[in-house]
Amino acid sequence: LEKARADITKHIPELSPGLAVIDWEEWLPLFDRNLDAKEFYRNLSFNY
């Protein structure tokens, strides 16, 4: 969150209307949705 605050200030310096899109596709927030290649994250979680 500390770095994210600096990144937001860098990329959106002005206080004007717009659209901010976060594109995180490596894993999905629902555990059971992580299938196929993303099942790797379930295995990491099991081992952890």
ModelCIF file with pLDDT and N, C-alpha, C, O atoms, coordinates in Angstrom:
data_MODEL
#
_entry.id   MODEL 
#
_entity.id                         1 
_entity.type                       polymer 
_entity.pdbx_number_of_molecules   1 
#
_entity_poly.entity_id                      1 
_entity_poly.type                           'polypeptide(L)' 
_entity_poly.nstd_linkage                   no 
_entity_poly.nstd_monomer                   no 
_entity_poly.pdbx_seq_one_letter_code       LEKARADITKHIPELSPGLAVIDWEEWLPLFDRNLDAKEFYRNLSFNY 
_entity_poly.pdbx_seq_one_letter_code_can   LEKARADITKHIPELSPGLAVIDWEEWLPLFDRNLDAKEFYRNLSFNY 
_entity_poly.pdbx_strand_id                 A 
#
loop_
_entity_poly_seq.entity_id 
_entity_poly_seq.num 
_entity_poly_seq.mon_id 
_entity_poly_seq.hetero 
1 1  LEU n 
1 2  GLU n 
1 3  LYS n 
1 4  ALA n 
1 5  ARG n 
1 6  ALA n 
1 7  ASP n 
1 8  ILE n 
1 9  THR n 
1 10 LYS n 
1 11 HIS n 
1 12 ILE n 
1 13 PRO n 
1 14 GLU n 
1 15 LEU n 
1 16 SER n 
1 17 PRO n 
1 18 GLY n 
1 19 LEU n 
1 20 ALA n 
1 21 VAL n 
1 22 ILE n 
1 23 ASP n 
1 24 TRP n 
1 25 GLU n 
1 26 GLU n 
1 27 TRP n 
1 28 LEU n 
1 29 PRO n 
1 30 LEU n 
1 31 PHE n 
1 32 ASP n 
1 33 ARG n 
1 34 ASN n 
1 35 LEU n 
1 36 ASP n 
1 37 ALA n 
1 38 LYS n 
1 39 GLU n 
1 40 PHE n 
1 41 TYR n 
1 42 ARG n 
1 43 ASN n 
1 44 LEU n 
1 45 SER n 
1 46 PHE n 
1 47 ASN n 
1 48 TYR n 
#
_struct_asym.id          A 
_struct_asym.entity_id   1 
#
loop_
_ma_qa_metric.id 
_ma_qa_metric.mode 
_ma_qa_metric.name 
_ma_qa_metric.software_group_id 
_ma_qa_metric.type 
1 global pLDDT . pLDDT 
2 local  pLDDT . pLDDT 
#
_ma_qa_metric_global.metric_id      1 
_ma_qa_metric_global.metric_value   96.46 
_ma_qa_metric_global.model_id       1 
_ma_qa_metric_global.ordinal_id     1 
#
loop_
_ma_qa_metric_local.label_asym_id 
_ma_qa_metric_local.label_comp_id 
_ma_qa_metric_local.label_seq_id 
_ma_qa_metric_local.metric_id 
_ma_qa_metric_local.metric_value 
_ma_qa_metric_local.model_id 
_ma_qa_metric_local.ordinal_id 
A LEU 1  2 98.00 1 1  
A GLU 2  2 98.00 1 2  
A LYS 3  2 98.00 1 3  
A ALA 4  2 98.00 1 4  
A ARG 5  2 98.00 1 5  
A ALA 6  2 98.00 1 6  
A ASP 7  2 98.00 1 7  
A ILE 8  2 98.00 1 8  
A THR 9  2 97.00 1 9  
A LYS 10 2 97.00 1 10 
A HIS 11 2 97.00 1 11 
A ILE 12 2 97.00 1 12 
A PRO 13 2 94.00 1 13 
A GLU 14 2 87.00 1 14 
A LEU 15 2 85.00 1 15 
A SER 16 2 89.00 1 16 
A PRO 17 2 95.00 1 17 
A GLY 18 2 97.00 1 18 
A LEU 19 2 98.00 1 19 
A ALA 20 2 98.00 1 20 
A VAL 21 2 98.00 1 21 
A ILE 22 2 98.00 1 22 
A ASP 23 2 98.00 1 23 
A TRP 24 2 98.00 1 24 
A GLU 25 2 97.00 1 25 
A GLU 26 2 97.00 1 26 
A TRP 27 2 98.00 1 27 
A LEU 28 2 98.00 1 28 
A PRO 29 2 98.00 1 29 
A LEU 30 2 98.00 1 30 
A PHE 31 2 98.00 1 31 
A ASP 32 2 96.00 1 32 
A ARG 33 2 97.00 1 33 
A ASN 34 2 97.00 1 34 
A LEU 35 2 96.00 1 35 
A ASP 36 2 95.00 1 36 
A ALA 37 2 95.00 1 37 
A LYS 38 2 96.00 1 38 
A GLU 39 2 96.00 1 39 
A PHE 40 2 95.00 1 40 
A TYR 41 2 97.00 1 41 
A ARG 42 2 97.00 1 42 
A ASN 43 2 96.00 1 43 
A LEU 44 2 97.00 1 44 
A SER 45 2 98.00 1 45 
A PHE 46 2 97.00 1 46 
A ASN 47 2 97.00 1 47 
A TYR 48 2 97.00 1 48 
#
loop_
_atom_site.group_PDB 
_atom_site.id 
_atom_site.type_symbol 
_atom_site.label_atom_id 
_atom_site.label_alt_id 
_atom_site.label_comp_id 
_atom_site.label_asym_id 
_atom_site.label_entity_id 
_atom_site.label_seq_id 
_atom_site.pdbx_PDB_ins_code 
_atom_site.Cartn_x 
_atom_site.Cartn_y 
_atom_site.Cartn_z 
_atom_site.occupancy 
_atom_site.B_iso_or_equiv 
_atom_site.pdbx_formal_charge 
_atom_site.auth_seq_id 
_atom_site.auth_comp_id 
_atom_site.auth_asym_id 
_atom_site.auth_atom_id 
_atom_site.pdbx_PDB_model_num 
ATOM 1   N N  . LEU A 1 1  ? 0.824   -1.210  0.000   1.00 98.00 ? 1  LEU A N  1 
ATOM 2   C CA . LEU A 1 1  ? 0.000   0.000   0.000   1.00 98.00 ? 1  LEU A CA 1 
ATOM 3   C C  . LEU A 1 1  ? 0.860   1.262   0.000   1.00 98.00 ? 1  LEU A C  1 
ATOM 4   O O  . LEU A 1 1  ? 0.485   2.275   -0.591  1.00 98.00 ? 1  LEU A O  1 
ATOM 5   N N  . GLU A 1 2  ? 1.997   1.199   0.655   1.00 98.00 ? 2  GLU A N  1 
ATOM 6   C CA . GLU A 1 2  ? 2.899   2.351   0.651   1.00 98.00 ? 2  GLU A CA 1 
ATOM 7   C C  . GLU A 1 2  ? 3.393   2.645   -0.768  1.00 98.00 ? 2  GLU A C  1 
ATOM 8   O O  . GLU A 1 2  ? 3.402   3.794   -1.209  1.00 98.00 ? 2  GLU A O  1 
ATOM 9   N N  . LYS A 1 3  ? 3.803   1.592   -1.469  1.00 98.00 ? 3  LYS A N  1 
ATOM 10  C CA . LYS A 1 3  ? 4.261   1.787   -2.847  1.00 98.00 ? 3  LYS A CA 1 
ATOM 11  C C  . LYS A 1 3  ? 3.101   2.151   -3.759  1.00 98.00 ? 3  LYS A C  1 
ATOM 12  O O  . LYS A 1 3  ? 3.257   2.974   -4.660  1.00 98.00 ? 3  LYS A O  1 
ATOM 13  N N  . ALA A 1 4  ? 1.934   1.545   -3.535  1.00 98.00 ? 4  ALA A N  1 
ATOM 14  C CA . ALA A 1 4  ? 0.773   1.830   -4.370  1.00 98.00 ? 4  ALA A CA 1 
ATOM 15  C C  . ALA A 1 4  ? 0.396   3.308   -4.295  1.00 98.00 ? 4  ALA A C  1 
ATOM 16  O O  . ALA A 1 4  ? 0.010   3.903   -5.301  1.00 98.00 ? 4  ALA A O  1 
ATOM 17  N N  . ARG A 1 5  ? 0.504   3.889   -3.126  1.00 98.00 ? 5  ARG A N  1 
ATOM 18  C CA . ARG A 1 5  ? 0.188   5.321   -2.979  1.00 98.00 ? 5  ARG A CA 1 
ATOM 19  C C  . ARG A 1 5  ? 1.112   6.169   -3.861  1.00 98.00 ? 5  ARG A C  1 
ATOM 20  O O  . ARG A 1 5  ? 0.660   7.095   -4.535  1.00 98.00 ? 5  ARG A O  1 
ATOM 21  N N  . ALA A 1 6  ? 2.390   5.848   -3.848  1.00 98.00 ? 6  ALA A N  1 
ATOM 22  C CA . ALA A 1 6  ? 3.342   6.586   -4.689  1.00 98.00 ? 6  ALA A CA 1 
ATOM 23  C C  . ALA A 1 6  ? 3.069   6.344   -6.174  1.00 98.00 ? 6  ALA A C  1 
ATOM 24  O O  . ALA A 1 6  ? 3.181   7.265   -6.982  1.00 98.00 ? 6  ALA A O  1 
ATOM 25  N N  . ASP A 1 7  ? 2.711   5.109   -6.534  1.00 98.00 ? 7  ASP A N  1 
ATOM 26  C CA . ASP A 1 7  ? 2.422   4.790   -7.932  1.00 98.00 ? 7  ASP A CA 1 
ATOM 27  C C  . ASP A 1 7  ? 1.190   5.534   -8.428  1.00 98.00 ? 7  ASP A C  1 
ATOM 28  O O  . ASP A 1 7  ? 1.167   6.020   -9.559  1.00 98.00 ? 7  ASP A O  1 
ATOM 29  N N  . ILE A 1 8  ? 0.175   5.623   -7.592  1.00 98.00 ? 8  ILE A N  1 
ATOM 30  C CA . ILE A 1 8  ? -1.042  6.341   -7.971  1.00 98.00 ? 8  ILE A CA 1 
ATOM 31  C C  . ILE A 1 8  ? -0.740  7.820   -8.190  1.00 98.00 ? 8  ILE A C  1 
ATOM 32  O O  . ILE A 1 8  ? -1.220  8.418   -9.153  1.00 98.00 ? 8  ILE A O  1 
ATOM 33  N N  . THR A 1 9  ? 0.043   8.400   -7.311  1.00 97.00 ? 9  THR A N  1 
ATOM 34  C CA . THR A 1 9  ? 0.422   9.803   -7.462  1.00 97.00 ? 9  THR A CA 1 
ATOM 35  C C  . THR A 1 9  ? 1.218   10.027  -8.745  1.00 97.00 ? 9  THR A C  1 
ATOM 36  O O  . THR A 1 9  ? 1.061   11.051  -9.410  1.00 97.00 ? 9  THR A O  1 
ATOM 37  N N  . LYS A 1 10 ? 2.070   9.067   -9.086  1.00 97.00 ? 10 LYS A N  1 
ATOM 38  C CA . LYS A 1 10 ? 2.890   9.182   -10.292 1.00 97.00 ? 10 LYS A CA 1 
ATOM 39  C C  . LYS A 1 10 ? 2.052   9.101   -11.556 1.00 97.00 ? 10 LYS A C  1 
ATOM 40  O O  . LYS A 1 10 ? 2.241   9.905   -12.468 1.00 97.00 ? 10 LYS A O  1 
ATOM 41  N N  . HIS A 1 11 ? 1.135   8.153   -11.632 1.00 97.00 ? 11 HIS A N  1 
ATOM 42  C CA . HIS A 1 11 ? 0.389   7.916   -12.850 1.00 97.00 ? 11 HIS A CA 1 
ATOM 43  C C  . HIS A 1 11 ? -0.860  8.784   -12.977 1.00 97.00 ? 11 HIS A C  1 
ATOM 44  O O  . HIS A 1 11 ? -1.319  9.054   -14.086 1.00 97.00 ? 11 HIS A O  1 
ATOM 45  N N  . ILE A 1 12 ? -1.412  9.223   -11.841 1.00 97.00 ? 12 ILE A N  1 
ATOM 46  C CA . ILE A 1 12 ? -2.600  10.091  -11.878 1.00 97.00 ? 12 ILE A CA 1 
ATOM 47  C C  . ILE A 1 12 ? -2.280  11.339  -11.065 1.00 97.00 ? 12 ILE A C  1 
ATOM 48  O O  . ILE A 1 12 ? -2.766  11.482  -9.943  1.00 97.00 ? 12 ILE A O  1 
ATOM 49  N N  . PRO A 1 13 ? -1.478  12.235  -11.607 1.00 94.00 ? 13 PRO A N  1 
ATOM 50  C CA . PRO A 1 13 ? -1.060  13.410  -10.822 1.00 94.00 ? 13 PRO A CA 1 
ATOM 51  C C  . PRO A 1 13 ? -2.157  14.444  -10.620 1.00 94.00 ? 13 PRO A C  1 
ATOM 52  O O  . PRO A 1 13 ? -2.116  15.206  -9.654  1.00 94.00 ? 13 PRO A O  1 
ATOM 53  N N  . GLU A 1 14 ? -3.125  14.479  -11.507 1.00 87.00 ? 14 GLU A N  1 
ATOM 54  C CA . GLU A 1 14 ? -4.143  15.529  -11.428 1.00 87.00 ? 14 GLU A CA 1 
ATOM 55  C C  . GLU A 1 14 ? -5.443  14.995  -10.826 1.00 87.00 ? 14 GLU A C  1 
ATOM 56  O O  . GLU A 1 14 ? -5.780  13.820  -10.972 1.00 87.00 ? 14 GLU A O  1 
ATOM 57  N N  . LEU A 1 15 ? -6.152  15.876  -10.156 1.00 85.00 ? 15 LEU A N  1 
ATOM 58  C CA . LEU A 1 15 ? -7.429  15.514  -9.520  1.00 85.00 ? 15 LEU A CA 1 
ATOM 59  C C  . LEU A 1 15 ? -8.576  15.795  -10.481 1.00 85.00 ? 15 LEU A C  1 
ATOM 60  O O  . LEU A 1 15 ? -9.402  16.674  -10.234 1.00 85.00 ? 15 LEU A O  1 
ATOM 61  N N  . SER A 1 16 ? -8.622  15.049  -11.571 1.00 89.00 ? 16 SER A N  1 
ATOM 62  C CA . SER A 1 16 ? -9.663  15.217  -12.579 1.00 89.00 ? 16 SER A CA 1 
ATOM 63  C C  . SER A 1 16 ? -10.378 13.889  -12.794 1.00 89.00 ? 16 SER A C  1 
ATOM 64  O O  . SER A 1 16 ? -9.834  12.847  -12.431 1.00 89.00 ? 16 SER A O  1 
ATOM 65  N N  . PRO A 1 17 ? -11.577 13.890  -13.370 1.00 95.00 ? 17 PRO A N  1 
ATOM 66  C CA . PRO A 1 17 ? -12.313 12.639  -13.565 1.00 95.00 ? 17 PRO A CA 1 
ATOM 67  C C  . PRO A 1 17 ? -11.613 11.705  -14.544 1.00 95.00 ? 17 PRO A C  1 
ATOM 68  O O  . PRO A 1 17 ? -10.924 12.151  -15.461 1.00 95.00 ? 17 PRO A O  1 
ATOM 69  N N  . GLY A 1 18 ? -11.793 10.433  -14.341 1.00 97.00 ? 18 GLY A N  1 
ATOM 70  C CA . GLY A 1 18 ? -11.217 9.445   -15.237 1.00 97.00 ? 18 GLY A CA 1 
ATOM 71  C C  . GLY A 1 18 ? -11.549 8.037   -14.797 1.00 97.00 ? 18 GLY A C  1 
ATOM 72  O O  . GLY A 1 18 ? -12.393 7.820   -13.927 1.00 97.00 ? 18 GLY A O  1 
ATOM 73  N N  . LEU A 1 19 ? -10.876 7.091   -15.408 1.00 98.00 ? 19 LEU A N  1 
ATOM 74  C CA . LEU A 1 19 ? -11.131 5.677   -15.152 1.00 98.00 ? 19 LEU A CA 1 
ATOM 75  C C  . LEU A 1 19 ? -9.808  5.007   -14.809 1.00 98.00 ? 19 LEU A C  1 
ATOM 76  O O  . LEU A 1 19 ? -8.842  5.122   -15.563 1.00 98.00 ? 19 LEU A O  1 
ATOM 77  N N  . ALA A 1 20 ? -9.755  4.305   -13.671 1.00 98.00 ? 20 ALA A N  1 
ATOM 78  C CA . ALA A 1 20 ? -8.553  3.600   -13.235 1.00 98.00 ? 20 ALA A CA 1 
ATOM 79  C C  . ALA A 1 20 ? -8.836  2.102   -13.249 1.00 98.00 ? 20 ALA A C  1 
ATOM 80  O O  . ALA A 1 20 ? -9.738  1.625   -12.561 1.00 98.00 ? 20 ALA A O  1 
ATOM 81  N N  . VAL A 1 21 ? -8.059  1.365   -14.037 1.00 98.00 ? 21 VAL A N  1 
ATOM 82  C CA . VAL A 1 21 ? -8.276  -0.064  -14.234 1.00 98.00 ? 21 VAL A CA 1 
ATOM 83  C C  . VAL A 1 21 ? -7.072  -0.830  -13.706 1.00 98.00 ? 21 VAL A C  1 
ATOM 84  O O  . VAL A 1 21 ? -5.947  -0.599  -14.148 1.00 98.00 ? 21 VAL A O  1 
ATOM 85  N N  . ILE A 1 22 ? -7.302  -1.739  -12.764 1.00 98.00 ? 22 ILE A N  1 
ATOM 86  C CA . ILE A 1 22 ? -6.241  -2.589  -12.223 1.00 98.00 ? 22 ILE A CA 1 
ATOM 87  C C  . ILE A 1 22 ? -6.330  -3.952  -12.899 1.00 98.00 ? 22 ILE A C  1 
ATOM 88  O O  . ILE A 1 22 ? -7.355  -4.630  -12.829 1.00 98.00 ? 22 ILE A O  1 
ATOM 89  N N  . ASP A 1 23 ? -5.257  -4.334  -13.545 1.00 98.00 ? 23 ASP A N  1 
ATOM 90  C CA . ASP A 1 23 ? -5.234  -5.584  -14.311 1.00 98.00 ? 23 ASP A CA 1 
ATOM 91  C C  . ASP A 1 23 ? -4.296  -6.580  -13.639 1.00 98.00 ? 23 ASP A C  1 
ATOM 92  O O  . ASP A 1 23 ? -3.107  -6.641  -13.950 1.00 98.00 ? 23 ASP A O  1 
ATOM 93  N N  . TRP A 1 24 ? -4.859  -7.368  -12.701 1.00 98.00 ? 24 TRP A N  1 
ATOM 94  C CA . TRP A 1 24 ? -4.128  -8.442  -12.019 1.00 98.00 ? 24 TRP A CA 1 
ATOM 95  C C  . TRP A 1 24 ? -4.758  -9.766  -12.438 1.00 98.00 ? 24 TRP A C  1 
ATOM 96  O O  . TRP A 1 24 ? -5.864  -10.090 -12.007 1.00 98.00 ? 24 TRP A O  1 
ATOM 97  N N  . GLU A 1 25 ? -4.075  -10.516 -13.258 1.00 97.00 ? 25 GLU A N  1 
ATOM 98  C CA . GLU A 1 25 ? -4.672  -11.729 -13.812 1.00 97.00 ? 25 GLU A CA 1 
ATOM 99  C C  . GLU A 1 25 ? -4.001  -13.016 -13.384 1.00 97.00 ? 25 GLU A C  1 
ATOM 100 O O  . GLU A 1 25 ? -4.406  -14.091 -13.826 1.00 97.00 ? 25 GLU A O  1 
ATOM 101 N N  . GLU A 1 26 ? -2.966  -12.938 -12.518 1.00 97.00 ? 26 GLU A N  1 
ATOM 102 C CA . GLU A 1 26 ? -2.225  -14.148 -12.165 1.00 97.00 ? 26 GLU A CA 1 
ATOM 103 C C  . GLU A 1 26 ? -3.048  -15.110 -11.312 1.00 97.00 ? 26 GLU A C  1 
ATOM 104 O O  . GLU A 1 26 ? -3.003  -16.321 -11.529 1.00 97.00 ? 26 GLU A O  1 
ATOM 105 N N  . TRP A 1 27 ? -3.794  -14.584 -10.349 1.00 98.00 ? 27 TRP A N  1 
ATOM 106 C CA . TRP A 1 27 ? -4.662  -15.421 -9.529  1.00 98.00 ? 27 TRP A CA 1 
ATOM 107 C C  . TRP A 1 27 ? -6.019  -14.750 -9.360  1.00 98.00 ? 27 TRP A C  1 
ATOM 108 O O  . TRP A 1 27 ? -6.173  -13.551 -9.593  1.00 98.00 ? 27 TRP A O  1 
ATOM 109 N N  . LEU A 1 28 ? -6.986  -15.541 -8.955  1.00 98.00 ? 28 LEU A N  1 
ATOM 110 C CA . LEU A 1 28 ? -8.343  -15.054 -8.734  1.00 98.00 ? 28 LEU A CA 1 
ATOM 111 C C  . LEU A 1 28 ? -8.659  -15.111 -7.242  1.00 98.00 ? 28 LEU A C  1 
ATOM 112 O O  . LEU A 1 28 ? -8.167  -16.002 -6.550  1.00 98.00 ? 28 LEU A O  1 
ATOM 113 N N  . PRO A 1 29 ? -9.464  -14.186 -6.733  1.00 98.00 ? 29 PRO A N  1 
ATOM 114 C CA . PRO A 1 29 ? -9.663  -14.091 -5.284  1.00 98.00 ? 29 PRO A CA 1 
ATOM 115 C C  . PRO A 1 29 ? -10.451 -15.242 -4.675  1.00 98.00 ? 29 PRO A C  1 
ATOM 116 O O  . PRO A 1 29 ? -10.340 -15.493 -3.475  1.00 98.00 ? 29 PRO A O  1 
ATOM 117 N N  . LEU A 1 30 ? -11.242 -15.945 -5.472  1.00 98.00 ? 30 LEU A N  1 
ATOM 118 C CA . LEU A 1 30 ? -11.942 -17.132 -4.980  1.00 98.00 ? 30 LEU A CA 1 
ATOM 119 C C  . LEU A 1 30 ? -11.063 -18.354 -5.234  1.00 98.00 ? 30 LEU A C  1 
ATOM 120 O O  . LEU A 1 30 ? -10.722 -18.662 -6.376  1.00 98.00 ? 30 LEU A O  1 
ATOM 121 N N  . PHE A 1 31 ? -10.712 -19.027 -4.179  1.00 98.00 ? 31 PHE A N  1 
ATOM 122 C CA . PHE A 1 31 ? -9.756  -20.147 -4.236  1.00 98.00 ? 31 PHE A CA 1 
ATOM 123 C C  . PHE A 1 31 ? -10.144 -21.175 -5.292  1.00 98.00 ? 31 PHE A C  1 
ATOM 124 O O  . PHE A 1 31 ? -9.299  -21.631 -6.062  1.00 98.00 ? 31 PHE A O  1 
ATOM 125 N N  . ASP A 1 32 ? -11.430 -21.539 -5.327  1.00 96.00 ? 32 ASP A N  1 
ATOM 126 C CA . ASP A 1 32 ? -11.877 -22.598 -6.222  1.00 96.00 ? 32 ASP A CA 1 
ATOM 127 C C  . ASP A 1 32 ? -11.894 -22.176 -7.683  1.00 96.00 ? 32 ASP A C  1 
ATOM 128 O O  . ASP A 1 32 ? -12.014 -23.029 -8.563  1.00 96.00 ? 32 ASP A O  1 
ATOM 129 N N  . ARG A 1 33 ? -11.778 -20.895 -7.962  1.00 97.00 ? 33 ARG A N  1 
ATOM 130 C CA . ARG A 1 33 ? -11.731 -20.414 -9.338  1.00 97.00 ? 33 ARG A CA 1 
ATOM 131 C C  . ARG A 1 33 ? -10.338 -20.548 -9.958  1.00 97.00 ? 33 ARG A C  1 
ATOM 132 O O  . ARG A 1 33 ? -10.187 -20.391 -11.170 1.00 97.00 ? 33 ARG A O  1 
ATOM 133 N N  . ASN A 1 34 ? -9.352  -20.828 -9.169  1.00 97.00 ? 34 ASN A N  1 
ATOM 134 C CA . ASN A 1 34 ? -7.993  -20.948 -9.679  1.00 97.00 ? 34 ASN A CA 1 
ATOM 135 C C  . ASN A 1 34 ? -7.781  -22.351 -10.247 1.00 97.00 ? 34 ASN A C  1 
ATOM 136 O O  . ASN A 1 34 ? -7.317  -23.259 -9.557  1.00 97.00 ? 34 ASN A O  1 
ATOM 137 N N  . LEU A 1 35 ? -8.132  -22.501 -11.517 1.00 96.00 ? 35 LEU A N  1 
ATOM 138 C CA . LEU A 1 35 ? -8.082  -23.785 -12.202 1.00 96.00 ? 35 LEU A CA 1 
ATOM 139 C C  . LEU A 1 35 ? -7.035  -23.735 -13.311 1.00 96.00 ? 35 LEU A C  1 
ATOM 140 O O  . LEU A 1 35 ? -6.457  -22.685 -13.591 1.00 96.00 ? 35 LEU A O  1 
ATOM 141 N N  . ASP A 1 36 ? -6.804  -24.874 -13.929 1.00 95.00 ? 36 ASP A N  1 
ATOM 142 C CA . ASP A 1 36 ? -5.849  -24.997 -15.031 1.00 95.00 ? 36 ASP A CA 1 
ATOM 143 C C  . ASP A 1 36 ? -4.493  -24.454 -14.579 1.00 95.00 ? 36 ASP A C  1 
ATOM 144 O O  . ASP A 1 36 ? -3.976  -24.890 -13.551 1.00 95.00 ? 36 ASP A O  1 
ATOM 145 N N  . ALA A 1 37 ? -3.908  -23.518 -15.319 1.00 95.00 ? 37 ALA A N  1 
ATOM 146 C CA . ALA A 1 37 ? -2.579  -23.013 -14.946 1.00 95.00 ? 37 ALA A CA 1 
ATOM 147 C C  . ALA A 1 37 ? -2.598  -22.343 -13.578 1.00 95.00 ? 37 ALA A C  1 
ATOM 148 O O  . ALA A 1 37 ? -1.613  -22.398 -12.842 1.00 95.00 ? 37 ALA A O  1 
ATOM 149 N N  . LYS A 1 38 ? -3.718  -21.712 -13.237 1.00 96.00 ? 38 LYS A N  1 
ATOM 150 C CA . LYS A 1 38 ? -3.811  -21.008 -11.950 1.00 96.00 ? 38 LYS A CA 1 
ATOM 151 C C  . LYS A 1 38 ? -3.893  -21.952 -10.758 1.00 96.00 ? 38 LYS A C  1 
ATOM 152 O O  . LYS A 1 38 ? -3.796  -21.509 -9.614  1.00 96.00 ? 38 LYS A O  1 
ATOM 153 N N  . GLU A 1 39 ? -4.070  -23.247 -11.007 1.00 96.00 ? 39 GLU A N  1 
ATOM 154 C CA . GLU A 1 39 ? -4.097  -24.209 -9.903  1.00 96.00 ? 39 GLU A CA 1 
ATOM 155 C C  . GLU A 1 39 ? -2.754  -24.237 -9.168  1.00 96.00 ? 39 GLU A C  1 
ATOM 156 O O  . GLU A 1 39 ? -2.659  -24.714 -8.037  1.00 96.00 ? 39 GLU A O  1 
ATOM 157 N N  . PHE A 1 40 ? -1.739  -23.725 -9.822  1.00 95.00 ? 40 PHE A N  1 
ATOM 158 C CA . PHE A 1 40 ? -0.423  -23.595 -9.207  1.00 95.00 ? 40 PHE A CA 1 
ATOM 159 C C  . PHE A 1 40 ? -0.515  -22.853 -7.875  1.00 95.00 ? 40 PHE A C  1 
ATOM 160 O O  . PHE A 1 40 ? 0.184   -23.189 -6.919  1.00 95.00 ? 40 PHE A O  1 
ATOM 161 N N  . TYR A 1 41 ? -1.387  -21.836 -7.822  1.00 97.00 ? 41 TYR A N  1 
ATOM 162 C CA . TYR A 1 41 ? -1.525  -21.044 -6.592  1.00 97.00 ? 41 TYR A CA 1 
ATOM 163 C C  . TYR A 1 41 ? -2.215  -21.836 -5.492  1.00 97.00 ? 41 TYR A C  1 
ATOM 164 O O  . TYR A 1 41 ? -1.950  -21.608 -4.312  1.00 97.00 ? 41 TYR A O  1 
ATOM 165 N N  . ARG A 1 42 ? -3.085  -22.750 -5.855  1.00 97.00 ? 42 ARG A N  1 
ATOM 166 C CA . ARG A 1 42 ? -3.695  -23.608 -4.848  1.00 97.00 ? 42 ARG A CA 1 
ATOM 167 C C  . ARG A 1 42 ? -2.650  -24.540 -4.250  1.00 97.00 ? 42 ARG A C  1 
ATOM 168 O O  . ARG A 1 42 ? -2.621  -24.778 -3.043  1.00 97.00 ? 42 ARG A O  1 
ATOM 169 N N  . ASN A 1 43 ? -1.791  -25.064 -5.123  1.00 96.00 ? 43 ASN A N  1 
ATOM 170 C CA . ASN A 1 43 ? -0.741  -25.954 -4.632  1.00 96.00 ? 43 ASN A CA 1 
ATOM 171 C C  . ASN A 1 43 ? 0.246   -25.212 -3.723  1.00 96.00 ? 43 ASN A C  1 
ATOM 172 O O  . ASN A 1 43 ? 0.690   -25.745 -2.706  1.00 96.00 ? 43 ASN A O  1 
ATOM 173 N N  . LEU A 1 44 ? 0.581   -23.975 -4.107  1.00 97.00 ? 44 LEU A N  1 
ATOM 174 C CA . LEU A 1 44 ? 1.441   -23.170 -3.245  1.00 97.00 ? 44 LEU A CA 1 
ATOM 175 C C  . LEU A 1 44 ? 0.797   -22.973 -1.881  1.00 97.00 ? 44 LEU A C  1 
ATOM 176 O O  . LEU A 1 44 ? 1.468   -23.029 -0.851  1.00 97.00 ? 44 LEU A O  1 
ATOM 177 N N  . SER A 1 45 ? -0.498  -22.744 -1.884  1.00 98.00 ? 45 SER A N  1 
ATOM 178 C CA . SER A 1 45 ? -1.224  -22.521 -0.631  1.00 98.00 ? 45 SER A CA 1 
ATOM 179 C C  . SER A 1 45 ? -1.276  -23.785 0.212   1.00 98.00 ? 45 SER A C  1 
ATOM 180 O O  . SER A 1 45 ? -1.138  -23.724 1.434   1.00 98.00 ? 45 SER A O  1 
ATOM 181 N N  . PHE A 1 46 ? -1.474  -24.930 -0.432  1.00 97.00 ? 46 PHE A N  1 
ATOM 182 C CA . PHE A 1 46 ? -1.480  -26.196 0.308   1.00 97.00 ? 46 PHE A CA 1 
ATOM 183 C C  . PHE A 1 46 ? -0.129  -26.419 0.996   1.00 97.00 ? 46 PHE A C  1 
ATOM 184 O O  . PHE A 1 46 ? -0.068  -26.726 2.186   1.00 97.00 ? 46 PHE A O  1 
ATOM 185 N N  . ASN A 1 47 ? 0.946   -26.258 0.228   1.00 97.00 ? 47 ASN A N  1 
ATOM 186 C CA . ASN A 1 47 ? 2.285   -26.489 0.786   1.00 97.00 ? 47 ASN A CA 1 
ATOM 187 C C  . ASN A 1 47 ? 2.592   -25.502 1.913   1.00 97.00 ? 47 ASN A C  1 
ATOM 188 O O  . ASN A 1 47 ? 3.183   -25.868 2.929   1.00 97.00 ? 47 ASN A O  1 
ATOM 189 N N  . TYR A 1 48 ? 2.193   -24.280 1.723   1.00 97.00 ? 48 TYR A N  1 
ATOM 190 C CA . TYR A 1 48 ? 2.430   -23.245 2.734   1.00 97.00 ? 48 TYR A CA 1 
ATOM 191 C C  . TYR A 1 48 ? 1.697   -23.590 4.032   1.00 97.00 ? 48 TYR A C  1 
ATOM 192 O O  . TYR A 1 48 ? 1.775   -22.838 5.003   1.00 97.00 ? 48 TYR A O  1 
#
